[in-house]
PDB file of N, CA and C in Angstrom:
ATOM      1  N   MET A   1      37.688 -14.105  61.728  1.00  0.00           N
ATOM      2  CA  MET A   1      36.364 -14.637  61.442  1.00  0.00           C
ATOM      3  C   MET A   1      35.537 -13.551  60.756  1.00  0.00           C
ATOM      4  N   ASN A   2      34.827 -13.936  59.683  1.00  0.00           N
ATOM      5  CA  ASN A   2      33.992 -12.985  58.959  1.00  0.00           C
ATOM      6  C   ASN A   2      32.690 -12.734  59.701  1.00  0.00           C
ATOM      7  N   ALA A   3      32.240 -11.494  59.659  1.00  0.00           N
ATOM      8  CA  ALA A   3      30.936 -11.172  60.224  1.00  0.00           C
ATOM      9  C   ALA A   3      29.862 -11.744  59.301  1.00  0.00           C
ATOM     10  N   THR A   4      28.735 -12.106  59.855  1.00  0.00           N
ATOM     11  CA  THR A   4      27.629 -12.622  59.041  1.00  0.00           C
ATOM     12  C   THR A   4      26.506 -11.603  59.011  1.00  0.00           C
ATOM     13  N   ALA A   5      25.682 -11.705  58.007  1.00  0.00           N
ATOM     14  CA  ALA A   5      24.519 -10.842  57.859  1.00  0.00           C
ATOM     15  C   ALA A   5      23.342 -11.706  57.461  1.00  0.00           C
ATOM     16  N   ALA A   6      22.174 -11.350  57.925  1.00  0.00           N
ATOM     17  CA  ALA A   6      20.967 -12.118  57.619  1.00  0.00           C
ATOM     18  C   ALA A   6      20.360 -11.657  56.292  1.00  0.00           C
ATOM     19  N   VAL A   7      19.786 -12.615  55.585  1.00  0.00           N
ATOM     20  CA  VAL A   7      19.052 -12.343  54.349  1.00  0.00           C
ATOM     21  C   VAL A   7      17.646 -12.892  54.554  1.00  0.00           C
ATOM     22  N   TYR A   8      16.653 -12.058  54.358  1.00  0.00           N
ATOM     23  CA  TYR A   8      15.271 -12.492  54.530  1.00  0.00           C
ATOM     24  C   TYR A   8      14.563 -12.430  53.179  1.00  0.00           C
ATOM     25  N   VAL A   9      13.880 -13.506  52.838  1.00  0.00           N
ATOM     26  CA  VAL A   9      13.118 -13.550  51.590  1.00  0.00           C
ATOM     27  C   VAL A   9      11.746 -14.155  51.852  1.00  0.00           C
ATOM     28  N   LYS A  10      10.797 -13.759  51.039  1.00  0.00           N
ATOM     29  CA  LYS A  10       9.477 -14.381  51.083  1.00  0.00           C
ATOM     30  C   LYS A  10       9.300 -15.175  49.802  1.00  0.00           C
ATOM     31  N   VAL A  11       8.854 -16.417  49.950  1.00  0.00           N
ATOM     32  CA  VAL A  11       8.610 -17.276  48.800  1.00  0.00           C
ATOM     33  C   VAL A  11       7.244 -17.926  48.956  1.00  0.00           C
ATOM     34  N   ASP A  12       6.718 -18.387  47.848  1.00  0.00           N
ATOM     35  CA  ASP A  12       5.456 -19.116  47.859  1.00  0.00           C
ATOM     36  C   ASP A  12       5.598 -20.327  48.781  1.00  0.00           C
ATOM     37  N   ALA A  13       4.634 -20.543  49.652  1.00  0.00           N
ATOM     38  CA  ALA A  13       4.698 -21.623  50.640  1.00  0.00           C
ATOM     39  C   ALA A  13       4.839 -22.995  49.981  1.00  0.00           C
ATOM     40  N   SER A  14       4.129 -23.213  48.894  1.00  0.00           N
ATOM     41  CA  SER A  14       4.214 -24.496  48.192  1.00  0.00           C
ATOM     42  C   SER A  14       5.595 -24.681  47.577  1.00  0.00           C
ATOM     43  N   ASP A  15       6.122 -23.638  46.955  1.00  0.00           N
ATOM     44  CA  ASP A  15       7.461 -23.708  46.375  1.00  0.00           C
ATOM     45  C   ASP A  15       8.490 -24.008  47.458  1.00  0.00           C
ATOM     46  N   LYS A  16       8.338 -23.362  48.613  1.00  0.00           N
ATOM     47  CA  LYS A  16       9.265 -23.568  49.727  1.00  0.00           C
ATOM     48  C   LYS A  16       9.271 -25.032  50.156  1.00  0.00           C
ATOM     49  N   LYS A  17       8.090 -25.598  50.302  1.00  0.00           N
ATOM     50  CA  LYS A  17       7.979 -26.987  50.750  1.00  0.00           C
ATOM     51  C   LYS A  17       8.633 -27.935  49.745  1.00  0.00           C
ATOM     52  N   ILE A  18       8.337 -27.745  48.473  1.00  0.00           N
ATOM     53  CA  ILE A  18       8.890 -28.617  47.434  1.00  0.00           C
ATOM     54  C   ILE A  18      10.405 -28.463  47.361  1.00  0.00           C
ATOM     55  N   ALA A  19      10.881 -27.222  47.330  1.00  0.00           N
ATOM     56  CA  ALA A  19      12.323 -26.973  47.228  1.00  0.00           C
ATOM     57  C   ALA A  19      13.064 -27.532  48.435  1.00  0.00           C
ATOM     58  N   GLU A  20      12.512 -27.339  49.629  1.00  0.00           N
ATOM     59  CA  GLU A  20      13.190 -27.825  50.827  1.00  0.00           C
ATOM     60  C   GLU A  20      13.193 -29.353  50.895  1.00  0.00           C
ATOM     61  N   THR A  21      12.190 -29.995  50.334  1.00  0.00           N
ATOM     62  CA  THR A  21      12.186 -31.459  50.258  1.00  0.00           C
ATOM     63  C   THR A  21      13.335 -31.932  49.365  1.00  0.00           C
ATOM     64  N   ILE A  22      13.507 -31.255  48.235  1.00  0.00           N
ATOM     65  CA  ILE A  22      14.598 -31.595  47.316  1.00  0.00           C
ATOM     66  C   ILE A  22      15.942 -31.312  47.977  1.00  0.00           C
ATOM     67  N   MET A  23      16.066 -30.141  48.615  1.00  0.00           N
ATOM     68  CA  MET A  23      17.320 -29.800  49.298  1.00  0.00           C
ATOM     69  C   MET A  23      17.662 -30.843  50.357  1.00  0.00           C
ATOM     70  N   HIS A  24      16.664 -31.253  51.116  1.00  0.00           N
ATOM     71  CA  HIS A  24      16.884 -32.252  52.167  1.00  0.00           C
ATOM     72  C   HIS A  24      17.431 -33.547  51.563  1.00  0.00           C
ATOM     73  N   SER A  25      16.851 -33.962  50.443  1.00  0.00           N
ATOM     74  CA  SER A  25      17.310 -35.201  49.809  1.00  0.00           C
ATOM     75  C   SER A  25      18.740 -35.060  49.285  1.00  0.00           C
ATOM     76  N   LEU A  26      19.155 -33.829  49.013  1.00  0.00           N
ATOM     77  CA  LEU A  26      20.516 -33.571  48.553  1.00  0.00           C
ATOM     78  C   LEU A  26      21.476 -33.288  49.710  1.00  0.00           C
ATOM     79  N   GLY A  27      20.936 -33.193  50.924  1.00  0.00           N
ATOM     80  CA  GLY A  27      21.769 -32.905  52.084  1.00  0.00           C
ATOM     81  C   GLY A  27      22.206 -31.461  52.180  1.00  0.00           C
ATOM     82  N   VAL A  28      21.368 -30.560  51.643  1.00  0.00           N
ATOM     83  CA  VAL A  28      21.689 -29.133  51.629  1.00  0.00           C
ATOM     84  C   VAL A  28      20.609 -28.374  52.391  1.00  0.00           C
ATOM     85  N   THR A  29      21.021 -27.460  53.243  1.00  0.00           N
ATOM     86  CA  THR A  29      20.049 -26.626  53.952  1.00  0.00           C
ATOM     87  C   THR A  29      19.747 -25.385  53.121  1.00  0.00           C
ATOM     88  N   PRO A  30      18.598 -24.755  53.345  1.00  0.00           N
ATOM     89  CA  PRO A  30      18.314 -23.503  52.641  1.00  0.00           C
ATOM     90  C   PRO A  30      19.416 -22.466  52.863  1.00  0.00           C
ATOM     91  N   SER A  31      19.912 -22.379  54.071  1.00  0.00           N
ATOM     92  CA  SER A  31      20.965 -21.415  54.375  1.00  0.00           C
ATOM     93  C   SER A  31      22.234 -21.705  53.572  1.00  0.00           C
ATOM     94  N   SER A  32      22.648 -22.970  53.510  1.00  0.00           N
ATOM     95  CA  SER A  32      23.866 -23.292  52.762  1.00  0.00           C
ATOM     96  C   SER A  32      23.665 -23.083  51.266  1.00  0.00           C
ATOM     97  N   LEU A  33      22.459 -23.322  50.770  1.00  0.00           N
ATOM     98  CA  LEU A  33      22.183 -23.082  49.357  1.00  0.00           C
ATOM     99  C   LEU A  33      22.308 -21.603  49.018  1.00  0.00           C
ATOM    100  N   ILE A  34      21.764 -20.749  49.878  1.00  0.00           N
ATOM    101  CA  ILE A  34      21.868 -19.300  49.652  1.00  0.00           C
ATOM    102  C   ILE A  34      23.340 -18.879  49.716  1.00  0.00           C
ATOM    103  N   GLN A  35      24.099 -19.434  50.650  1.00  0.00           N
ATOM    104  CA  GLN A  35      25.528 -19.116  50.737  1.00  0.00           C
ATOM    105  C   GLN A  35      26.254 -19.534  49.462  1.00  0.00           C
ATOM    106  N   MET A  36      25.906 -20.721  48.925  1.00  0.00           N
ATOM    107  CA  MET A  36      26.515 -21.174  47.675  1.00  0.00           C
ATOM    108  C   MET A  36      26.151 -20.249  46.521  1.00  0.00           C
ATOM    109  N   LEU A  37      24.897 -19.816  46.483  1.00  0.00           N
ATOM    110  CA  LEU A  37      24.459 -18.905  45.431  1.00  0.00           C
ATOM    111  C   LEU A  37      25.262 -17.611  45.484  1.00  0.00           C
ATOM    112  N   TYR A  38      25.391 -17.026  46.650  1.00  0.00           N
ATOM    113  CA  TYR A  38      26.151 -15.782  46.794  1.00  0.00           C
ATOM    114  C   TYR A  38      27.611 -15.971  46.360  1.00  0.00           C
ATOM    115  N   LYS A  39      28.229 -17.094  46.757  1.00  0.00           N
ATOM    116  CA  LYS A  39      29.619 -17.352  46.365  1.00  0.00           C
ATOM    117  C   LYS A  39      29.742 -17.469  44.847  1.00  0.00           C
ATOM    118  N   GLN A  40      28.776 -18.132  44.201  1.00  0.00           N
ATOM    119  CA  GLN A  40      28.818 -18.272  42.744  1.00  0.00           C
ATOM    120  C   GLN A  40      28.606 -16.927  42.043  1.00  0.00           C
ATOM    121  N   VAL A  41      27.730 -16.097  42.575  1.00  0.00           N
ATOM    122  CA  VAL A  41      27.538 -14.756  42.006  1.00  0.00           C
ATOM    123  C   VAL A  41      28.857 -13.988  42.073  1.00  0.00           C
ATOM    124  N   ILE A  42      29.538 -14.084  43.204  1.00  0.00           N
ATOM    125  CA  ILE A  42      30.819 -13.392  43.375  1.00  0.00           C
ATOM    126  C   ILE A  42      31.867 -13.955  42.414  1.00  0.00           C
ATOM    127  N   LEU A  43      31.999 -15.271  42.352  1.00  0.00           N
ATOM    128  CA  LEU A  43      33.003 -15.893  41.490  1.00  0.00           C
ATOM    129  C   LEU A  43      32.777 -15.614  40.013  1.00  0.00           C
ATOM    130  N   LYS A  44      31.521 -15.704  39.588  1.00  0.00           N
ATOM    131  CA  LYS A  44      31.194 -15.533  38.170  1.00  0.00           C
ATOM    132  C   LYS A  44      30.921 -14.084  37.790  1.00  0.00           C
ATOM    133  N   ARG A  45      30.713 -13.250  38.832  1.00  0.00           N
ATOM    134  CA  ARG A  45      30.344 -11.851  38.611  1.00  0.00           C
ATOM    135  C   ARG A  45      29.078 -11.764  37.741  1.00  0.00           C
ATOM    136  N   ALA A  46      28.175 -12.713  37.981  1.00  0.00           N
ATOM    137  CA  ALA A  46      26.925 -12.816  37.223  1.00  0.00           C
ATOM    138  C   ALA A  46      25.995 -13.777  37.952  1.00  0.00           C
ATOM    139  N   ILE A  47      24.746 -13.812  37.531  1.00  0.00           N
ATOM    140  CA  ILE A  47      23.802 -14.812  38.027  1.00  0.00           C
ATOM    141  C   ILE A  47      24.282 -16.156  37.457  1.00  0.00           C
ATOM    142  N   PRO A  48      24.448 -17.185  38.290  1.00  0.00           N
ATOM    143  CA  PRO A  48      25.060 -18.425  37.815  1.00  0.00           C
ATOM    144  C   PRO A  48      24.123 -19.374  37.058  1.00  0.00           C
ATOM    145  N   PHE A  49      23.015 -18.875  36.574  1.00  0.00           N
ATOM    146  CA  PHE A  49      22.114 -19.688  35.762  1.00  0.00           C
ATOM    147  C   PHE A  49      21.378 -18.765  34.817  1.00  0.00           C
ATOM    148  N   ASP A  50      20.835 -19.340  33.755  1.00  0.00           N
ATOM    149  CA  ASP A  50      20.152 -18.569  32.725  1.00  0.00           C
ATOM    150  C   ASP A  50      18.838 -18.000  33.245  1.00  0.00           C
ATOM    151  N   ILE A  51      18.637 -16.720  33.006  1.00  0.00           N
ATOM    152  CA  ILE A  51      17.362 -16.080  33.316  1.00  0.00           C
ATOM    153  C   ILE A  51      16.874 -15.453  32.017  1.00  0.00           C
ATOM    154  N   SER A  52      15.862 -16.065  31.428  1.00  0.00           N
ATOM    155  CA  SER A  52      15.357 -15.560  30.158  1.00  0.00           C
ATOM    156  C   SER A  52      13.902 -15.967  29.984  1.00  0.00           C
ATOM    157  N   LEU A  53      13.247 -15.272  29.098  1.00  0.00           N
ATOM    158  CA  LEU A  53      11.871 -15.613  28.759  1.00  0.00           C
ATOM    159  C   LEU A  53      11.890 -16.734  27.738  1.00  0.00           C
ATOM    160  N   PRO A  54      10.931 -17.648  27.801  1.00  0.00           N
ATOM    161  CA  PRO A  54      10.891 -18.724  26.806  1.00  0.00           C
ATOM    162  C   PRO A  54      10.629 -18.153  25.421  1.00  0.00           C
ATOM    163  N   SER A  55      11.179 -18.823  24.409  1.00  0.00           N
ATOM    164  CA  SER A  55      10.991 -18.349  23.038  1.00  0.00           C
ATOM    165  C   SER A  55       9.582 -18.632  22.528  1.00  0.00           C
ATOM    166  N   LYS A  56       8.918 -19.587  23.155  1.00  0.00           N
ATOM    167  CA  LYS A  56       7.551 -19.929  22.765  1.00  0.00           C
ATOM    168  C   LYS A  56       6.642 -19.749  23.973  1.00  0.00           C
ATOM    169  N   PRO A  57       5.368 -19.422  23.752  1.00  0.00           N
ATOM    170  CA  PRO A  57       4.459 -19.311  24.898  1.00  0.00           C
ATOM    171  C   PRO A  57       4.323 -20.654  25.602  1.00  0.00           C
ATOM    172  N   ILE A  58       4.210 -20.611  26.923  1.00  0.00           N
ATOM    173  CA  ILE A  58       4.088 -21.861  27.659  1.00  0.00           C
ATOM    174  C   ILE A  58       2.718 -22.031  28.294  1.00  0.00           C
ATOM    175  N   ALA A  59       1.922 -20.973  28.331  1.00  0.00           N
ATOM    176  CA  ALA A  59       0.580 -21.071  28.892  1.00  0.00           C
ATOM    177  C   ALA A  59      -0.387 -21.396  27.763  1.00  0.00           C
ATOM    178  N   THR A  60      -1.032 -22.552  27.854  1.00  0.00           N
ATOM    179  CA  THR A  60      -1.926 -22.949  26.773  1.00  0.00           C
ATOM    180  C   THR A  60      -3.079 -21.976  26.603  1.00  0.00           C
ATOM    181  N   GLY A  61      -3.428 -21.241  27.649  1.00  0.00           N
ATOM    182  CA  GLY A  61      -4.495 -20.255  27.540  1.00  0.00           C
ATOM    183  C   GLY A  61      -4.143 -19.112  26.603  1.00  0.00           C
ATOM    184  N   ASP A  62      -2.840 -18.927  26.366  1.00  0.00           N
ATOM    185  CA  ASP A  62      -2.374 -17.868  25.464  1.00  0.00           C
ATOM    186  C   ASP A  62      -2.151 -18.376  24.047  1.00  0.00           C
ATOM    187  N   MET A  63      -2.458 -19.651  23.811  1.00  0.00           N
ATOM    188  CA  MET A  63      -2.190 -20.252  22.515  1.00  0.00           C
ATOM    189  C   MET A  63      -3.482 -20.610  21.797  1.00  0.00           C
ATOM    190  N   THR A  64      -3.401 -20.617  20.466  1.00  0.00           N
ATOM    191  CA  THR A  64      -4.544 -21.066  19.683  1.00  0.00           C
ATOM    192  C   THR A  64      -4.559 -22.594  19.685  1.00  0.00           C
ATOM    193  N   GLU A  65      -5.687 -23.152  19.324  1.00  0.00           N
ATOM    194  CA  GLU A  65      -5.796 -24.615  19.249  1.00  0.00           C
ATOM    195  C   GLU A  65      -4.790 -25.170  18.243  1.00  0.00           C
ATOM    196  N   GLU A  66      -4.579 -24.432  17.170  1.00  0.00           N
ATOM    197  CA  GLU A  66      -3.624 -24.860  16.143  1.00  0.00           C
ATOM    198  C   GLU A  66      -2.196 -24.880  16.708  1.00  0.00           C
ATOM    199  N   GLU A  67      -1.821 -23.850  17.485  1.00  0.00           N
ATOM    200  CA  GLU A  67      -0.490 -23.813  18.088  1.00  0.00           C
ATOM    201  C   GLU A  67      -0.278 -24.973  19.050  1.00  0.00           C
ATOM    202  N   ILE A  68      -1.309 -25.276  19.827  1.00  0.00           N
ATOM    203  CA  ILE A  68      -1.222 -26.393  20.771  1.00  0.00           C
ATOM    204  C   ILE A  68      -1.045 -27.701  20.009  1.00  0.00           C
ATOM    205  N   SER A  69      -1.831 -27.889  18.972  1.00  0.00           N
ATOM    206  CA  SER A  69      -1.731 -29.116  18.163  1.00  0.00           C
ATOM    207  C   SER A  69      -0.351 -29.250  17.534  1.00  0.00           C
ATOM    208  N   GLU A  70       0.195 -28.139  17.032  1.00  0.00           N
ATOM    209  CA  GLU A  70       1.530 -28.161  16.424  1.00  0.00           C
ATOM    210  C   GLU A  70       2.592 -28.561  17.450  1.00  0.00           C
ATOM    211  N   LEU A  71       2.501 -27.986  18.642  1.00  0.00           N
ATOM    212  CA  LEU A  71       3.479 -28.311  19.675  1.00  0.00           C
ATOM    213  C   LEU A  71       3.373 -29.761  20.125  1.00  0.00           C
ATOM    214  N   VAL A  72       2.143 -30.249  20.244  1.00  0.00           N
ATOM    215  CA  VAL A  72       1.953 -31.652  20.617  1.00  0.00           C
ATOM    216  C   VAL A  72       2.558 -32.552  19.549  1.00  0.00           C
ATOM    217  N   GLN A  73       2.293 -32.250  18.287  1.00  0.00           N
ATOM    218  CA  GLN A  73       2.844 -33.057  17.195  1.00  0.00           C
ATOM    219  C   GLN A  73       4.364 -32.965  17.173  1.00  0.00           C
ATOM    220  N   GLU A  74       4.899 -31.768  17.408  1.00  0.00           N
ATOM    221  CA  GLU A  74       6.352 -31.593  17.459  1.00  0.00           C
ATOM    222  C   GLU A  74       6.956 -32.472  18.557  1.00  0.00           C
ATOM    223  N   GLY A  75       6.296 -32.519  19.700  1.00  0.00           N
ATOM    224  CA  GLY A  75       6.767 -33.356  20.801  1.00  0.00           C
ATOM    225  C   GLY A  75       6.729 -34.831  20.451  1.00  0.00           C
ATOM    226  N   ILE A  76       5.655 -35.253  19.806  1.00  0.00           N
ATOM    227  CA  ILE A  76       5.528 -36.660  19.392  1.00  0.00           C
ATOM    228  C   ILE A  76       6.620 -37.003  18.383  1.00  0.00           C
ATOM    229  N   ASP A  77       6.813 -36.120  17.401  1.00  0.00           N
ATOM    230  CA  ASP A  77       7.833 -36.363  16.380  1.00  0.00           C
ATOM    231  C   ASP A  77       9.231 -36.409  16.980  1.00  0.00           C
ATOM    232  N   SER A  78       9.516 -35.478  17.898  1.00  0.00           N
ATOM    233  CA  SER A  78      10.858 -35.444  18.492  1.00  0.00           C
ATOM    234  C   SER A  78      11.101 -36.664  19.377  1.00  0.00           C
ATOM    235  N   ALA A  79      10.054 -37.151  20.032  1.00  0.00           N
ATOM    236  CA  ALA A  79      10.193 -38.359  20.848  1.00  0.00           C
ATOM    237  C   ALA A  79      10.504 -39.561  19.965  1.00  0.00           C
ATOM    238  N   LYS A  80       9.891 -39.592  18.783  1.00  0.00           N
ATOM    239  CA  LYS A  80      10.109 -40.713  17.863  1.00  0.00           C
ATOM    240  C   LYS A  80      11.510 -40.695  17.258  1.00  0.00           C
ATOM    241  N   ASP A  81      11.998 -39.514  16.879  1.00  0.00           N
ATOM    242  CA  ASP A  81      13.286 -39.464  16.182  1.00  0.00           C
ATOM    243  C   ASP A  81      14.458 -38.979  17.040  1.00  0.00           C
ATOM    244  N   GLY A  82      14.202 -38.686  18.319  1.00  0.00           N
ATOM    245  CA  GLY A  82      15.283 -38.286  19.215  1.00  0.00           C
ATOM    246  C   GLY A  82      15.840 -36.912  18.923  1.00  0.00           C
ATOM    247  N   THR A  83      15.014 -36.010  18.390  1.00  0.00           N
ATOM    248  CA  THR A  83      15.455 -34.663  18.037  1.00  0.00           C
ATOM    249  C   THR A  83      16.004 -33.906  19.235  1.00  0.00           C
ATOM    250  N   TYR A  84      15.303 -33.968  20.352  1.00  0.00           N
ATOM    251  CA  TYR A  84      15.700 -33.223  21.536  1.00  0.00           C
ATOM    252  C   TYR A  84      16.353 -34.135  22.559  1.00  0.00           C
ATOM    253  N   THR A  85      17.391 -33.625  23.201  1.00  0.00           N
ATOM    254  CA  THR A  85      17.997 -34.358  24.306  1.00  0.00           C
ATOM    255  C   THR A  85      17.168 -34.099  25.556  1.00  0.00           C
ATOM    256  N   SER A  86      17.355 -34.901  26.576  1.00  0.00           N
ATOM    257  CA  SER A  86      16.620 -34.696  27.813  1.00  0.00           C
ATOM    258  C   SER A  86      16.971 -33.347  28.427  1.00  0.00           C
ATOM    259  N   GLU A  87      18.216 -32.896  28.260  1.00  0.00           N
ATOM    260  CA  GLU A  87      18.624 -31.579  28.791  1.00  0.00           C
ATOM    261  C   GLU A  87      17.885 -30.460  28.059  1.00  0.00           C
ATOM    262  N   GLU A  88      17.721 -30.571  26.742  1.00  0.00           N
ATOM    263  CA  GLU A  88      16.986 -29.556  25.987  1.00  0.00           C
ATOM    264  C   GLU A  88      15.520 -29.512  26.430  1.00  0.00           C
ATOM    265  N   ILE A  89      14.947 -30.663  26.677  1.00  0.00           N
ATOM    266  CA  ILE A  89      13.553 -30.723  27.133  1.00  0.00           C
ATOM    267  C   ILE A  89      13.426 -30.069  28.495  1.00  0.00           C
ATOM    268  N   ARG A  90      14.386 -30.335  29.418  1.00  0.00           N
ATOM    269  CA  ARG A  90      14.354 -29.696  30.743  1.00  0.00           C
ATOM    270  C   ARG A  90      14.427 -28.175  30.610  1.00  0.00           C
ATOM    271  N   LYS A  91      15.289 -27.693  29.704  1.00  0.00           N
ATOM    272  CA  LYS A  91      15.416 -26.243  29.504  1.00  0.00           C
ATOM    273  C   LYS A  91      14.104 -25.656  28.974  1.00  0.00           C
ATOM    274  N   MET A  92      13.447 -26.365  28.068  1.00  0.00           N
ATOM    275  CA  MET A  92      12.179 -25.883  27.511  1.00  0.00           C
ATOM    276  C   MET A  92      11.101 -25.810  28.568  1.00  0.00           C
ATOM    277  N   LEU A  93      11.108 -26.769  29.495  1.00  0.00           N
ATOM    278  CA  LEU A  93      10.095 -26.807  30.528  1.00  0.00           C
ATOM    279  C   LEU A  93      10.384 -25.824  31.649  1.00  0.00           C
ATOM    280  N   GLY A  94      11.573 -25.278  31.658  1.00  0.00           N
ATOM    281  CA  GLY A  94      11.906 -24.228  32.628  1.00  0.00           C
ATOM    282  C   GLY A  94      12.262 -24.771  33.933  1.00  0.00           C
TER     283      GLY A  94
END
């Protein structure tokens, strides 16, 4: 039998509540999720998901009115012509 070790983390209370609600609906406990994450790190010898900064600013407070208008129009145009897949949109939203 393998020895176990505890991992303690602090997370934003709101994030914890939302994430645990999702985990519950998936039938996964926080502990089992962390165990899965560790196993994937070991198997892949890397973080098992993309960690990167967005290519475009996402905080509207950091954008000019023109940049916001361009992005809104880009979104409208892509919705009309199907430029982006739903997976690409999820990646953009982080």
